[in-house]
């Protein structure tokens, strides 16, 4: 599909021009194939479908957005996922990021706090045959402990600090990618790695702008 190829070209151009920040000069073939396999227009409102393959975020209702394809690509790439991995996504939103992850791993568990968005995403994912994605309505701060530990955790909403439950649910050797910073301001995309000896290593990647994570804010969180 020509529109998807144009989107991939735009993503690859931006990856090259931000390689100094993200630490990659190109996306892996697996990430590119996953992006190529998922029809992004299925995850946006009908009136915005003509813009579905533009390299920009789009509104999906309920004051939420579907992320810019470049950001989806970078967050996916930096987790270094393998085919047998189990991944947690916090913030299902449209379901697009979960669909991309589903092409790369054995199982995706995804949490959305807005019931309408969760049900809509679940329906689209089912329509597309993403049978290895399980959607739950709930508070992403708590994670999903029943299926932990996770080889990767991807958070699609900004938190002022990294929620402690997510760190606890990350497997030794696993990686988490999360935007950290104040709501409605520029945040930092942070890559977190749990070293096998339980040490936490963090690296700031690039400035981003995500909608805030909502829910139980009083959960104890580790300072950034």
Protein backbone atom coordinates (compact mmCIF):
# COMPACT_ATOMS: atom_id res chain seq x y z
CA UNK A 1 0.00 0.00 0.00
CA UNK A 2 1.49 3.30 -1.13
CA UNK A 3 0.35 5.24 1.94
CA UNK A 4 2.05 2.78 4.31
CA UNK A 5 5.28 2.93 2.29
CA UNK A 6 5.20 6.72 2.49
CA UNK A 7 4.70 6.52 6.25
CA UNK A 8 7.64 4.13 6.60
CA UNK A 9 9.82 6.43 4.51
CA UNK A 10 8.94 9.38 6.76
CA UNK A 11 9.69 7.32 9.87
CA UNK A 12 13.05 6.16 8.54
CA UNK A 13 14.00 9.73 7.63
CA UNK A 14 13.21 10.92 11.17
CA UNK A 15 15.08 7.99 12.72
CA UNK A 16 18.22 8.92 10.77
CA UNK A 17 17.96 12.56 11.83
CA UNK A 18 17.48 11.69 15.51
CA UNK A 19 19.95 8.78 15.61
CA UNK A 20 22.20 10.66 18.03
CA UNK A 21 19.39 10.72 20.61
CA UNK A 22 17.79 7.33 20.10
CA UNK A 23 21.04 5.43 19.58
CA UNK A 24 19.86 3.72 16.38
CA UNK A 25 20.65 4.72 12.83
CA UNK A 26 17.88 2.54 11.40
CA UNK A 27 14.94 0.44 12.51
CA UNK A 28 15.27 -3.31 12.56
CA UNK A 29 13.55 -5.28 9.76
CA UNK A 30 11.23 -6.81 12.40
CA UNK A 31 9.98 -3.40 13.53
CA UNK A 32 9.50 -2.24 9.94
CA UNK A 33 7.60 -5.41 9.08
CA UNK A 34 5.34 -4.95 12.11
CA UNK A 35 4.54 -1.37 11.12
CA UNK A 36 3.91 -2.48 7.55
CA UNK A 37 1.52 -5.22 8.67
CA UNK A 38 -0.84 -3.02 10.73
CA UNK A 39 -3.44 -0.85 8.92
CA UNK A 40 -3.27 2.37 10.93
CA UNK A 41 -6.45 3.75 9.32
CA UNK A 42 -8.47 1.11 11.19
CA UNK A 43 -7.56 2.79 14.49
CA UNK A 44 -8.58 6.38 13.74
CA UNK A 45 -12.03 7.99 13.43
CA UNK A 46 -13.57 7.83 9.95
CA UNK A 47 -13.23 11.56 9.28
CA UNK A 48 -9.47 11.38 9.96
CA UNK A 49 -8.73 8.27 7.93
CA UNK A 50 -7.39 10.30 4.95
CA UNK A 51 -4.57 11.39 7.33
CA UNK A 52 -4.01 7.99 8.96
CA UNK A 53 -0.57 7.47 7.40
CA UNK A 54 0.75 10.96 7.98
CA UNK A 55 3.64 11.03 10.44
CA UNK A 56 1.70 12.87 13.12
CA UNK A 57 -0.58 12.14 16.08
CA UNK A 58 -4.35 12.20 15.56
CA UNK A 59 -7.27 12.66 17.93
CA UNK A 60 -9.28 9.55 18.76
CA UNK A 61 -11.81 11.09 21.16
CA UNK A 62 -12.01 11.40 24.96
CA UNK A 63 -9.10 13.91 24.83
CA UNK A 64 -6.76 11.10 23.71
CA UNK A 65 -4.59 10.62 20.64
CA UNK A 66 -3.05 7.91 18.52
CA UNK A 67 0.69 8.51 18.71
CA UNK A 68 2.86 9.74 15.86
CA UNK A 69 4.07 6.71 13.84
CA UNK A 70 7.71 7.69 14.41
CA UNK A 71 7.18 7.59 18.19
CA UNK A 72 5.41 4.23 17.96
CA UNK A 73 8.34 2.92 15.92
CA UNK A 74 11.03 4.22 18.28
CA UNK A 75 9.30 3.03 21.46
CA UNK A 76 8.80 -0.40 19.91
CA UNK A 77 12.37 -0.61 18.59
CA UNK A 78 14.03 0.34 21.88
CA UNK A 79 12.42 -2.56 23.77
CA UNK A 80 14.47 -5.03 21.67
CA UNK A 81 11.62 -7.53 21.68
CA UNK A 82 11.88 -11.21 20.83
CA UNK A 83 9.27 -13.57 19.46
CA UNK A 84 8.60 -15.39 22.75
CA UNK A 85 8.33 -12.24 24.90
CA UNK A 86 5.34 -11.19 26.98
CA UNK A 87 4.70 -7.44 27.00
CA UNK A 88 2.57 -5.07 29.06
CA UNK A 89 1.22 -1.88 27.50
CA UNK A 90 -0.17 0.84 29.74
CA UNK A 91 -2.60 3.05 27.85
CA UNK A 92 -4.32 1.07 25.09
CA UNK A 93 -5.84 4.17 23.50
CA UNK A 94 -6.75 3.34 19.91
CA UNK A 95 -5.13 -0.09 20.07
CA UNK A 96 -2.61 0.69 17.31
CA UNK A 97 0.51 0.31 19.45
CA UNK A 98 -0.80 -2.99 20.84
CA UNK A 99 -1.40 -4.22 17.28
CA UNK A 100 2.17 -3.38 16.31
CA UNK A 101 3.51 -5.16 19.40
CA UNK A 102 1.36 -8.19 18.61
CA UNK A 103 3.36 -8.74 15.42
CA UNK A 104 6.57 -9.08 17.42
CA UNK A 105 5.86 -11.01 20.61
CA UNK A 106 3.98 -14.01 21.97
CA UNK A 107 1.51 -12.10 24.14
CA UNK A 108 0.47 -8.48 24.76
CA UNK A 109 -1.49 -7.41 27.82
CA UNK A 110 -2.82 -3.88 27.51
CA UNK A 111 -4.64 -1.67 30.04
CA UNK A 112 -6.91 1.29 29.31
CA UNK A 113 -8.63 3.39 31.97
CA UNK A 114 -11.33 4.80 29.64
CA UNK A 115 -13.92 2.05 29.07
CA UNK A 116 -15.18 3.36 25.73
CA UNK A 117 -11.67 3.41 24.26
CA UNK A 118 -10.86 -0.03 25.66
CA UNK A 119 -13.96 -1.59 24.13
CA UNK A 120 -13.40 0.14 20.78
CA UNK A 121 -9.75 -0.94 20.64
CA UNK A 122 -10.65 -4.50 21.61
CA UNK A 123 -13.17 -4.68 18.77
CA UNK A 124 -10.68 -3.45 16.16
CA UNK A 125 -7.96 -5.78 17.42
CA UNK A 126 -10.38 -8.70 17.21
CA UNK A 127 -11.41 -7.68 13.69
CA UNK A 128 -7.75 -7.68 12.61
CA UNK A 129 -7.10 -11.09 14.14
CA UNK A 130 -4.74 -9.91 16.89
CA UNK A 131 -5.57 -12.92 19.02
CA UNK A 132 -2.48 -12.54 21.21
CA UNK A 133 -3.67 -9.19 22.65
CA UNK A 134 -5.72 -9.09 25.85
CA UNK A 135 -7.38 -5.78 26.78
CA UNK A 136 -8.31 -4.81 30.32
CA UNK A 137 -10.15 -1.77 31.66
CA UNK A 138 -8.24 -0.45 34.67
CA UNK A 139 -5.68 1.84 36.24
CA UNK A 140 -2.33 1.54 34.51
CA UNK A 141 -0.39 2.74 37.56
CA UNK A 142 -0.98 -0.68 39.10
CA UNK A 143 0.16 -2.63 36.07
CA UNK A 144 -1.24 -6.14 35.67
CA UNK A 145 0.50 -8.28 38.31
CA UNK A 146 -1.32 -11.51 37.46
CA UNK A 147 0.73 -11.92 34.27
CA UNK A 148 4.05 -10.49 35.50
CA UNK A 149 6.96 -10.51 35.08
CA UNK A 150 7.05 -8.82 31.68
CA UNK A 151 9.92 -8.88 29.22
CA UNK A 152 8.91 -5.40 28.09
CA UNK A 153 6.62 -2.64 29.36
CA UNK A 154 5.52 0.21 27.11
CA UNK A 155 3.69 3.21 28.59
CA UNK A 156 1.80 5.54 26.25
CA UNK A 157 0.89 8.26 28.75
CA UNK A 158 3.12 10.61 30.74
CA UNK A 159 3.70 10.05 34.44
CA UNK A 160 5.44 12.53 36.78
CA UNK A 161 7.52 9.60 38.06
CA UNK A 162 7.90 5.95 37.12
CA UNK A 163 5.23 3.97 39.00
CA UNK A 164 6.83 1.50 41.38
CA UNK A 165 4.43 -1.36 40.50
CA UNK A 166 5.62 -1.23 36.90
CA UNK A 167 9.24 -1.50 37.97
CA UNK A 168 8.35 -4.46 40.18
CA UNK A 169 6.56 -6.21 37.31
CA UNK A 170 9.46 -5.82 34.87
CA UNK A 171 11.45 -9.04 34.49
CA UNK A 172 15.21 -9.07 35.20
CA UNK A 173 16.83 -8.15 31.91
CA UNK A 174 13.59 -6.56 30.72
CA UNK A 175 13.10 -3.03 29.40
CA UNK A 176 10.45 -0.37 29.90
CA UNK A 177 9.89 2.73 27.77
CA UNK A 178 7.88 5.54 29.40
CA UNK A 179 7.35 9.30 28.99
CA UNK A 180 8.18 11.02 32.28
CA UNK A 181 7.31 14.60 33.14
CA UNK A 182 4.53 17.04 34.01
CA UNK A 183 1.17 16.91 32.22
CA UNK A 184 0.64 19.15 29.19
CA UNK A 185 4.32 20.09 29.04
CA UNK A 186 7.33 18.60 27.29
CA UNK A 187 8.34 15.30 28.85
CA UNK A 188 11.33 12.99 28.45
CA UNK A 189 11.03 9.57 26.90
CA UNK A 190 12.94 7.33 29.31
CA UNK A 191 14.29 3.85 28.64
CA UNK A 192 14.48 1.74 31.80
CA UNK A 193 16.40 -1.53 32.00
CA UNK A 194 16.29 -3.92 34.94
CA UNK A 195 19.72 -5.48 35.24
CA UNK A 196 19.53 -9.15 36.36
CA UNK A 197 20.85 -8.21 39.81
CA UNK A 198 17.76 -6.00 40.23
CA UNK A 199 19.65 -2.77 39.51
CA UNK A 200 17.64 -0.17 37.58
CA UNK A 201 19.36 1.63 34.71
CA UNK A 202 17.71 4.64 33.05
CA UNK A 203 18.51 6.59 29.89
CA UNK A 204 16.79 9.70 28.62
CA UNK A 205 16.00 9.33 24.92
CA UNK A 206 14.29 12.45 23.54
CA UNK A 207 11.70 15.11 24.37
CA UNK A 208 8.08 14.11 23.78
CA UNK A 209 4.54 15.33 24.44
CA UNK A 210 2.06 12.71 25.70
CA UNK A 211 -1.32 12.99 27.36
CA UNK A 212 -1.06 12.46 31.14
CA UNK A 213 -1.53 9.09 32.79
CA UNK A 214 -4.69 9.21 34.86
CA UNK A 215 -5.83 7.08 37.76
CA UNK A 216 -4.52 6.47 41.24
CA UNK A 217 -1.89 9.17 41.67
CA UNK A 218 -1.09 8.40 45.28
CA UNK A 219 0.73 5.16 44.41
CA UNK A 220 4.30 5.33 45.64
CA UNK A 221 6.58 5.98 42.68
CA UNK A 222 10.31 5.99 42.31
CA UNK A 223 11.74 9.43 41.64
CA UNK A 224 13.00 9.97 38.10
